[in-house]
C-alpha atoms as a PDB file:
ATOM      1  CA  UNK A   1      -2.302  88.854 -70.342  1.00  0.00           C
ATOM      2  CA  UNK A   2      -2.111  86.454 -73.229  1.00  0.00           C
ATOM      3  CA  UNK A   3       1.642  86.056 -72.813  1.00  0.00           C
ATOM      4  CA  UNK A   4       1.388  84.953 -69.215  1.00  0.00           C
ATOM      5  CA  UNK A   5      -1.276  82.376 -69.955  1.00  0.00           C
ATOM      6  CA  UNK A   6       0.746  80.868 -72.749  1.00  0.00           C
ATOM      7  CA  UNK A   7       3.779  80.541 -70.540  1.00  0.00           C
ATOM      8  CA  UNK A   8       1.814  78.865 -67.798  1.00  0.00           C
ATOM      9  CA  UNK A   9       0.353  76.335 -70.239  1.00  0.00           C
ATOM     10  CA  UNK A  10       3.846  75.470 -71.487  1.00  0.00           C
ATOM     11  CA  UNK A  11       5.125  74.805 -67.945  1.00  0.00           C
ATOM     12  CA  UNK A  12       2.234  72.416 -67.266  1.00  0.00           C
ATOM     13  CA  UNK A  13       3.097  70.389 -70.381  1.00  0.00           C
ATOM     14  CA  UNK A  14       6.725  70.080 -69.350  1.00  0.00           C
ATOM     15  CA  UNK A  15       5.793  69.125 -65.817  1.00  0.00           C
ATOM     16  CA  UNK A  16       3.609  66.184 -66.952  1.00  0.00           C
ATOM     17  CA  UNK A  17       6.140  64.715 -69.394  1.00  0.00           C
ATOM     18  CA  UNK A  18       7.973  62.701 -66.717  1.00  0.00           C
ATOM     19  CA  UNK A  19       4.918  60.568 -65.930  1.00  0.00           C
ATOM     20  CA  UNK A  20       5.340  58.260 -68.912  1.00  0.00           C
ATOM     21  CA  UNK A  21       8.947  57.070 -68.260  1.00  0.00           C
ATOM     22  CA  UNK A  22       8.168  56.900 -64.544  1.00  0.00           C
ATOM     23  CA  UNK A  23       5.286  54.555 -65.270  1.00  0.00           C
ATOM     24  CA  UNK A  24       7.595  52.426 -67.416  1.00  0.00           C
ATOM     25  CA  UNK A  25      10.116  52.179 -64.587  1.00  0.00           C
ATOM     26  CA  UNK A  26       7.405  51.160 -62.138  1.00  0.00           C
ATOM     27  CA  UNK A  27       6.253  48.472 -64.562  1.00  0.00           C
ATOM     28  CA  UNK A  28       9.781  47.100 -64.895  1.00  0.00           C
ATOM     29  CA  UNK A  29      10.291  47.126 -61.131  1.00  0.00           C
ATOM     30  CA  UNK A  30       7.012  45.292 -60.655  1.00  0.00           C
ATOM     31  CA  UNK A  31       8.124  42.657 -63.145  1.00  0.00           C
ATOM     32  CA  UNK A  32      11.430  42.347 -61.311  1.00  0.00           C
ATOM     33  CA  UNK A  33       9.775  41.821 -57.914  1.00  0.00           C
ATOM     34  CA  UNK A  34       7.440  39.211 -59.400  1.00  0.00           C
ATOM     35  CA  UNK A  35      10.459  37.320 -60.755  1.00  0.00           C
ATOM     36  CA  UNK A  36      12.333  37.583 -57.458  1.00  0.00           C
ATOM     37  CA  UNK A  37       9.285  36.384 -55.549  1.00  0.00           C
ATOM     38  CA  UNK A  38       8.683  33.413 -57.793  1.00  0.00           C
ATOM     39  CA  UNK A  39      12.273  32.239 -58.229  1.00  0.00           C
ATOM     40  CA  UNK A  40      12.225  30.284 -54.950  1.00  0.00           C
ATOM     41  CA  UNK A  41       9.862  27.806 -56.630  1.00  0.00           C
ATOM     42  CA  UNK A  42      11.760  27.377 -59.910  1.00  0.00           C
ATOM     43  CA  UNK A  43      14.829  25.356 -60.556  1.00  0.00           C
ATOM     44  CA  UNK A  44      18.205  26.727 -61.567  1.00  0.00           C
ATOM     45  CA  UNK A  45      17.806  25.896 -65.248  1.00  0.00           C
ATOM     46  CA  UNK A  46      14.473  27.725 -65.574  1.00  0.00           C
ATOM     47  CA  UNK A  47      15.800  30.727 -63.688  1.00  0.00           C
ATOM     48  CA  UNK A  48      18.818  30.966 -65.959  1.00  0.00           C
ATOM     49  CA  UNK A  49      16.609  30.855 -69.041  1.00  0.00           C
ATOM     50  CA  UNK A  50      14.257  33.512 -67.644  1.00  0.00           C
ATOM     51  CA  UNK A  51      17.192  35.700 -66.628  1.00  0.00           C
ATOM     52  CA  UNK A  52      18.692  35.529 -70.106  1.00  0.00           C
ATOM     53  CA  UNK A  53      15.336  36.354 -71.725  1.00  0.00           C
ATOM     54  CA  UNK A  54      14.627  39.366 -69.505  1.00  0.00           C
ATOM     55  CA  UNK A  55      18.166  40.662 -69.810  1.00  0.00           C
ATOM     56  CA  UNK A  56      18.100  40.462 -73.593  1.00  0.00           C
ATOM     57  CA  UNK A  57      14.677  42.050 -73.948  1.00  0.00           C
ATOM     58  CA  UNK A  58      15.046  44.785 -71.363  1.00  0.00           C
ATOM     59  CA  UNK A  59      18.639  45.883 -71.664  1.00  0.00           C
ATOM     60  CA  UNK A  60      20.438  44.092 -74.468  1.00  0.00           C
ATOM     61  CA  UNK A  61      21.846  41.271 -72.344  1.00  0.00           C
ATOM     62  CA  UNK A  62      23.466  43.387 -69.624  1.00  0.00           C
ATOM     63  CA  UNK A  63      20.514  44.026 -67.376  1.00  0.00           C
ATOM     64  CA  UNK A  64      19.855  43.605 -63.692  1.00  0.00           C
ATOM     65  CA  UNK A  65      18.979  39.930 -64.079  1.00  0.00           C
ATOM     66  CA  UNK A  66      22.515  38.941 -65.062  1.00  0.00           C
ATOM     67  CA  UNK A  67      23.571  37.521 -61.700  1.00  0.00           C
ATOM     68  CA  UNK A  68      24.101  34.016 -60.251  1.00  0.00           C
ATOM     69  CA  UNK A  69      21.190  31.816 -59.374  1.00  0.00           C
ATOM     70  CA  UNK A  70      19.904  32.476 -55.838  1.00  0.00           C
ATOM     71  CA  UNK A  71      19.996  28.750 -55.185  1.00  0.00           C
ATOM     72  CA  UNK A  72      23.796  28.951 -55.466  1.00  0.00           C
ATOM     73  CA  UNK A  73      23.917  32.011 -53.187  1.00  0.00           C
ATOM     74  CA  UNK A  74      21.927  30.090 -50.580  1.00  0.00           C
ATOM     75  CA  UNK A  75      24.581  27.366 -50.468  1.00  0.00           C
ATOM     76  CA  UNK A  76      23.058  24.980 -53.004  1.00  0.00           C
ATOM     77  CA  UNK A  77      25.117  23.746 -55.950  1.00  0.00           C
ATOM     78  CA  UNK A  78      24.516  23.865 -59.650  1.00  0.00           C
ATOM     79  CA  UNK A  79      24.078  20.497 -61.407  1.00  0.00           C
ATOM     80  CA  UNK A  80      27.689  20.587 -62.685  1.00  0.00           C
ATOM     81  CA  UNK A  81      29.066  21.479 -59.260  1.00  0.00           C
ATOM     82  CA  UNK A  82      26.949  18.782 -57.626  1.00  0.00           C
ATOM     83  CA  UNK A  83      28.225  16.194 -60.107  1.00  0.00           C
ATOM     84  CA  UNK A  84      31.823  17.288 -59.469  1.00  0.00           C
ATOM     85  CA  UNK A  85      31.382  17.052 -55.704  1.00  0.00           C
ATOM     86  CA  UNK A  86      29.814  13.600 -55.934  1.00  0.00           C
ATOM     87  CA  UNK A  87      32.698  12.438 -58.120  1.00  0.00           C
ATOM     88  CA  UNK A  88      35.251  13.727 -55.607  1.00  0.00           C
ATOM     89  CA  UNK A  89      33.399  12.084 -52.720  1.00  0.00           C
ATOM     90  CA  UNK A  90      33.291   8.776 -54.592  1.00  0.00           C
ATOM     91  CA  UNK A  91      37.043   8.969 -55.253  1.00  0.00           C
ATOM     92  CA  UNK A  92      37.725   9.619 -51.584  1.00  0.00           C
ATOM     93  CA  UNK A  93      35.476   6.727 -50.550  1.00  0.00           C
ATOM     94  CA  UNK A  94      37.200   4.420 -53.031  1.00  0.00           C
ATOM     95  CA  UNK A  95      40.605   5.437 -51.685  1.00  0.00           C
ATOM     96  CA  UNK A  96      39.532   4.846 -48.083  1.00  0.00           C
ATOM     97  CA  UNK A  97      38.125   1.430 -49.001  1.00  0.00           C
ATOM     98  CA  UNK A  98      41.335   0.516 -50.860  1.00  0.00           C
ATOM     99  CA  UNK A  99      43.449   1.553 -47.879  1.00  0.00           C
ATOM    100  CA  UNK A 100      41.360  -0.635 -45.567  1.00  0.00           C
ATOM    101  CA  UNK A 101      41.769  -3.621 -47.885  1.00  0.00           C
ATOM    102  CA  UNK A 102      45.504  -2.955 -48.144  1.00  0.00           C
ATOM    103  CA  UNK A 103      45.852  -2.780 -44.366  1.00  0.00           C
ATOM    104  CA  UNK A 104      44.072  -6.106 -43.994  1.00  0.00           C
ATOM    105  CA  UNK A 105      46.375  -7.680 -46.566  1.00  0.00           C
ATOM    106  CA  UNK A 106      49.474  -6.386 -44.774  1.00  0.00           C
ATOM    107  CA  UNK A 107      48.108  -7.701 -41.485  1.00  0.00           C
ATOM    108  CA  UNK A 108      47.688 -11.123 -43.100  1.00  0.00           C
ATOM    109  CA  UNK A 109      51.321 -11.050 -44.263  1.00  0.00           C
ATOM    110  CA  UNK A 110      52.400  -9.959 -40.782  1.00  0.00           C
ATOM    111  CA  UNK A 111      50.567 -12.890 -39.201  1.00  0.00           C
ATOM    112  CA  UNK A 112      52.316 -15.248 -41.606  1.00  0.00           C
ATOM    113  CA  UNK A 113      55.734 -13.836 -40.702  1.00  0.00           C
ATOM    114  CA  UNK A 114      54.949 -13.853 -36.969  1.00  0.00           C
ATOM    115  CA  UNK A 115      53.895 -17.491 -37.167  1.00  0.00           C
ATOM    116  CA  UNK A 116      57.269 -18.316 -38.723  1.00  0.00           C
ATOM    117  CA  UNK A 117      59.107 -16.354 -36.014  1.00  0.00           C
ATOM    118  CA  UNK A 118      57.241 -18.156 -33.236  1.00  0.00           C
ATOM    119  CA  UNK A 119      57.623 -21.585 -34.829  1.00  0.00           C
ATOM    120  CA  UNK A 120      61.382 -21.156 -35.292  1.00  0.00           C
ATOM    121  CA  UNK A 121      61.874 -19.451 -31.900  1.00  0.00           C
ATOM    122  CA  UNK A 122      63.378 -16.382 -33.552  1.00  0.00           C
ATOM    123  CA  UNK A 123      61.709 -13.790 -31.335  1.00  0.00           C
ATOM    124  CA  UNK A 124      65.082 -12.493 -30.138  1.00  0.00           C
ATOM    125  CA  UNK A 125      66.252 -12.054 -33.742  1.00  0.00           C
ATOM    126  CA  UNK A 126      63.247 -10.881 -35.759  1.00  0.00           C
ATOM    127  CA  UNK A 127      60.225  -8.678 -35.146  1.00  0.00           C
ATOM    128  CA  UNK A 128      57.494  -7.112 -37.251  1.00  0.00           C
ATOM    129  CA  UNK A 129      55.507  -3.881 -37.021  1.00  0.00           C
ATOM    130  CA  UNK A 130      52.904  -2.095 -39.128  1.00  0.00           C
ATOM    131  CA  UNK A 131      53.962   1.486 -39.858  1.00  0.00           C
ATOM    132  CA  UNK A 132      52.607   4.325 -41.964  1.00  0.00           C
ATOM    133  CA  UNK A 133      54.989   3.210 -44.705  1.00  0.00           C
ATOM    134  CA  UNK A 134      54.045  -0.474 -44.707  1.00  0.00           C
ATOM    135  CA  UNK A 135      54.968  -3.751 -42.994  1.00  0.00           C
ATOM    136  CA  UNK A 136      58.422  -3.590 -41.420  1.00  0.00           C
ATOM    137  CA  UNK A 137      60.495  -6.688 -40.644  1.00  0.00           C
ATOM    138  CA  UNK A 138      63.472  -5.869 -38.407  1.00  0.00           C
ATOM    139  CA  UNK A 139      66.458  -8.235 -38.312  1.00  0.00           C
ATOM    140  CA  UNK A 140      68.514  -7.545 -35.215  1.00  0.00           C
ATOM    141  CA  UNK A 141      72.273  -7.218 -34.927  1.00  0.00           C
ATOM    142  CA  UNK A 142      72.764 -10.746 -33.599  1.00  0.00           C
ATOM    143  CA  UNK A 143      71.694 -12.173 -36.970  1.00  0.00           C
ATOM    144  CA  UNK A 144      73.370 -12.220 -40.404  1.00  0.00           C
ATOM    145  CA  UNK A 145      76.655 -10.336 -39.896  1.00  0.00           C
ATOM    146  CA  UNK A 146      79.789 -10.469 -37.790  1.00  0.00           C
ATOM    147  CA  UNK A 147      81.003  -7.216 -36.273  1.00  0.00           C
ATOM    148  CA  UNK A 148      82.405  -4.860 -38.934  1.00  0.00           C
ATOM    149  CA  UNK A 149      81.535  -7.289 -41.749  1.00  0.00           C
ATOM    150  CA  UNK A 150      79.034  -6.946 -44.592  1.00  0.00           C
ATOM    151  CA  UNK A 151      79.055 -10.647 -45.522  1.00  0.00           C
ATOM    152  CA  UNK A 152      76.144 -12.830 -44.400  1.00  0.00           C
ATOM    153  CA  UNK A 153      77.458 -15.494 -42.016  1.00  0.00           C
ATOM    154  CA  UNK A 154      77.188 -19.087 -43.299  1.00  0.00           C
ATOM    155  CA  UNK A 155      75.172 -20.141 -40.229  1.00  0.00           C
ATOM    156  CA  UNK A 156      72.580 -17.441 -41.021  1.00  0.00           C
ATOM    157  CA  UNK A 157      72.046 -18.302 -44.688  1.00  0.00           C
ATOM    158  CA  UNK A 158      69.156 -20.605 -43.787  1.00  0.00           C
ATOM    159  CA  UNK A 159      67.360 -17.779 -41.980  1.00  0.00           C
ATOM    160  CA  UNK A 160      67.917 -15.496 -44.976  1.00  0.00           C
ATOM    161  CA  UNK A 161      66.539 -18.127 -47.350  1.00  0.00           C
ATOM    162  CA  UNK A 162      63.453 -18.665 -45.228  1.00  0.00           C
ATOM    163  CA  UNK A 163      62.852 -14.919 -45.084  1.00  0.00           C
ATOM    164  CA  UNK A 164      63.000 -14.884 -48.877  1.00  0.00           C
ATOM    165  CA  UNK A 165      60.164 -17.448 -48.960  1.00  0.00           C
ATOM    166  CA  UNK A 166      58.065 -15.161 -46.768  1.00  0.00           C
ATOM    167  CA  UNK A 167      58.514 -12.373 -49.317  1.00  0.00           C
ATOM    168  CA  UNK A 168      56.914 -14.353 -52.137  1.00  0.00           C
ATOM    169  CA  UNK A 169      53.530 -12.653 -52.566  1.00  0.00           C
ATOM    170  CA  UNK A 170      50.773 -12.556 -55.141  1.00  0.00           C
ATOM    171  CA  UNK A 171      50.511  -9.882 -56.358  1.00  0.00           C
ATOM    172  CA  UNK A 172      54.120  -8.841 -55.657  1.00  0.00           C
ATOM    173  CA  UNK A 173      54.963  -5.644 -53.794  1.00  0.00           C
ATOM    174  CA  UNK A 174      57.861  -3.237 -53.757  1.00  0.00           C
ATOM    175  CA  UNK A 175      60.342  -4.142 -51.017  1.00  0.00           C
ATOM    176  CA  UNK A 176      63.089  -1.910 -49.609  1.00  0.00           C
ATOM    177  CA  UNK A 177      66.012  -3.455 -47.705  1.00  0.00           C
ATOM    178  CA  UNK A 178      67.956  -0.987 -45.568  1.00  0.00           C
ATOM    179  CA  UNK A 179      71.061  -1.268 -43.416  1.00  0.00           C
ATOM    180  CA  UNK A 180      71.641   0.641 -40.135  1.00  0.00           C
ATOM    181  CA  UNK A 181      74.534   0.915 -37.697  1.00  0.00           C
ATOM    182  CA  UNK A 182      75.312   2.526 -34.341  1.00  0.00           C
ATOM    183  CA  UNK A 183      77.388   5.713 -34.080  1.00  0.00           C
ATOM    184  CA  UNK A 184      80.671   4.071 -33.139  1.00  0.00           C
ATOM    185  CA  UNK A 185      83.217   4.947 -35.859  1.00  0.00           C
ATOM    186  CA  UNK A 186      84.287   1.909 -37.828  1.00  0.00           C
ATOM    187  CA  UNK A 187      87.987   1.011 -37.890  1.00  0.00           C
ATOM    188  CA  UNK A 188      88.173  -1.261 -40.862  1.00  0.00           C
ATOM    189  CA  UNK A 189      90.331  -1.057 -43.992  1.00  0.00           C
ATOM    190  CA  UNK A 190      87.416  -2.279 -46.081  1.00  0.00           C
ATOM    191  CA  UNK A 191      84.935   0.445 -45.103  1.00  0.00           C
ATOM    192  CA  UNK A 192      85.683   4.094 -44.509  1.00  0.00           C
ATOM    193  CA  UNK A 193      82.412   4.805 -42.706  1.00  0.00           C
ATOM    194  CA  UNK A 194      79.365   3.224 -41.097  1.00  0.00           C
ATOM    195  CA  UNK A 195      77.389   4.512 -44.034  1.00  0.00           C
ATOM    196  CA  UNK A 196      79.351   2.353 -46.469  1.00  0.00           C
ATOM    197  CA  UNK A 197      79.044  -0.641 -44.138  1.00  0.00           C
ATOM    198  CA  UNK A 198      75.258  -0.237 -43.908  1.00  0.00           C
ATOM    199  CA  UNK A 199      74.889   0.032 -47.698  1.00  0.00           C
ATOM    200  CA  UNK A 200      76.903  -3.140 -48.363  1.00  0.00           C
ATOM    201  CA  UNK A 201      75.027  -5.082 -45.687  1.00  0.00           C
ATOM    202  CA  UNK A 202      71.730  -4.198 -47.318  1.00  0.00           C
ATOM    203  CA  UNK A 203      73.003  -5.106 -50.778  1.00  0.00           C
ATOM    204  CA  UNK A 204      74.586  -8.410 -49.721  1.00  0.00           C
ATOM    205  CA  UNK A 205      71.467  -9.465 -47.842  1.00  0.00           C
ATOM    206  CA  UNK A 206      69.348  -8.555 -50.868  1.00  0.00           C
ATOM    207  CA  UNK A 207      71.573 -10.711 -53.070  1.00  0.00           C
ATOM    208  CA  UNK A 208      70.875 -13.716 -50.821  1.00  0.00           C
ATOM    209  CA  UNK A 209      67.146 -12.974 -50.897  1.00  0.00           C
ATOM    210  CA  UNK A 210      67.046 -12.719 -54.682  1.00  0.00           C
ATOM    211  CA  UNK A 211      68.529 -16.180 -55.160  1.00  0.00           C
ATOM    212  CA  UNK A 212      64.920 -17.248 -54.721  1.00  0.00           C
ATOM    213  CA  UNK A 213      63.694 -17.635 -58.316  1.00  0.00           C
ATOM    214  CA  UNK A 214      60.142 -16.782 -57.283  1.00  0.00           C
ATOM    215  CA  UNK A 215      61.189 -13.208 -56.503  1.00  0.00           C
ATOM    216  CA  UNK A 216      61.485 -10.532 -59.196  1.00  0.00           C
ATOM    217  CA  UNK A 217      64.526  -8.258 -58.665  1.00  0.00           C
ATOM    218  CA  UNK A 218      62.646  -5.320 -60.222  1.00  0.00           C
ATOM    219  CA  UNK A 219      60.518  -5.100 -57.063  1.00  0.00           C
ATOM    220  CA  UNK A 220      63.544  -4.744 -54.757  1.00  0.00           C
ATOM    221  CA  UNK A 221      65.816  -1.873 -53.781  1.00  0.00           C
ATOM    222  CA  UNK A 222      68.558  -1.379 -51.146  1.00  0.00           C
ATOM    223  CA  UNK A 223      69.487   1.578 -48.953  1.00  0.00           C
ATOM    224  CA  UNK A 224      72.100   2.349 -46.323  1.00  0.00           C
ATOM    225  CA  UNK A 225      71.504   4.878 -43.537  1.00  0.00           C
ATOM    226  CA  UNK A 226      74.598   4.351 -41.422  1.00  0.00           C
ATOM    227  CA  UNK A 227      74.087   5.719 -37.902  1.00  0.00           C
ATOM    228  CA  UNK A 228      71.666   8.443 -39.008  1.00  0.00           C
ATOM    229  CA  UNK A 229      68.324   6.714 -38.249  1.00  0.00           C
ATOM    230  CA  UNK A 230      68.712   5.303 -34.732  1.00  0.00           C
ATOM    231  CA  UNK A 231      65.753   3.705 -32.975  1.00  0.00           C
ATOM    232  CA  UNK A 232      67.412   3.834 -29.537  1.00  0.00           C
ATOM    233  CA  UNK A 233      70.028   5.839 -27.688  1.00  0.00           C
ATOM    234  CA  UNK A 234      73.629   5.173 -28.595  1.00  0.00           C
ATOM    235  CA  UNK A 235      74.681   5.959 -25.029  1.00  0.00           C
ATOM    236  CA  UNK A 236      74.373   2.319 -23.959  1.00  0.00           C
ATOM    237  CA  UNK A 237      75.408  -1.013 -25.422  1.00  0.00           C
ATOM    238  CA  UNK A 238      71.788  -2.137 -25.428  1.00  0.00           C
ATOM    239  CA  UNK A 239      70.759   0.919 -27.446  1.00  0.00           C
ATOM    240  CA  UNK A 240      73.644   0.536 -29.877  1.00  0.00           C
ATOM    241  CA  UNK A 241      72.703  -3.117 -30.369  1.00  0.00           C
ATOM    242  CA  UNK A 242      69.169  -2.101 -31.351  1.00  0.00           C
ATOM    243  CA  UNK A 243      70.486   0.442 -33.820  1.00  0.00           C
ATOM    244  CA  UNK A 244      72.624  -2.154 -35.588  1.00  0.00           C
ATOM    245  CA  UNK A 245      69.997  -3.797 -37.744  1.00  0.00           C
ATOM    246  CA  UNK A 246      68.695  -4.652 -41.211  1.00  0.00           C
ATOM    247  CA  UNK A 247      65.135  -3.718 -42.096  1.00  0.00           C
ATOM    248  CA  UNK A 248      62.863  -5.184 -44.769  1.00  0.00           C
ATOM    249  CA  UNK A 249      60.019  -2.802 -45.623  1.00  0.00           C
ATOM    250  CA  UNK A 250      57.078  -4.294 -47.541  1.00  0.00           C
ATOM    251  CA  UNK A 251      55.256  -1.397 -49.187  1.00  0.00           C
ATOM    252  CA  UNK A 252      51.506  -1.132 -49.797  1.00  0.00           C
ATOM    253  CA  UNK A 253      50.421  -1.945 -53.327  1.00  0.00           C
ATOM    254  CA  UNK A 254      48.960   1.568 -53.617  1.00  0.00           C
ATOM    255  CA  UNK A 255      52.515   2.946 -53.571  1.00  0.00           C
ATOM    256  CA  UNK A 256      53.757   0.666 -56.357  1.00  0.00           C
END
């Protein structure tokens, strides 16, 4: 009889031993739920401090509270992220504002050039347009050069000189002068291709422009595209005439 009673008493002691750690777990869970309930009313800095303290005290810094702030999970930003976003937004706004100012300045230059064209009755020779690249002045085929030649005609030197005056700007801008031709093969001992002809036309016109002492050559460059950038069909004489041209591209200051 005594043996059975002793065994039963031992089983009861073992069965009650789990109550103490269970109570500890419940206490920790209660503390966790209190923190989770209250964190909607605390800021990110306080939550981070509380999380670090609980994690260190309860589980050596690797506990259940080591996770991102709920304010970030709900779509809100940390102070550093908010500052970064505001900086990026300000940069974008500044860029947009600068582009608007630049567009207005190019429009002012265009009006100046258009006034000159109208005053000198050069509408059939020159035209301007605002493009994504900048302000484009197109000099048509009936100005500057004789057929197959890259030398500026003496009777057109005055027009070239007056164009150079229109390119004097403060502050200065980068300017690209480009030559273009139609697709009719050139038969000329001086030039082996339309590409060479277009390059020399751009360079020779630029030389005339840069005789103006108020222009800095470092802001200028020349290109030749031959027949490879047509603006009209080469199937008609009218289209080929449009493709034979010299272009002066005034770039935005933001691209300098």
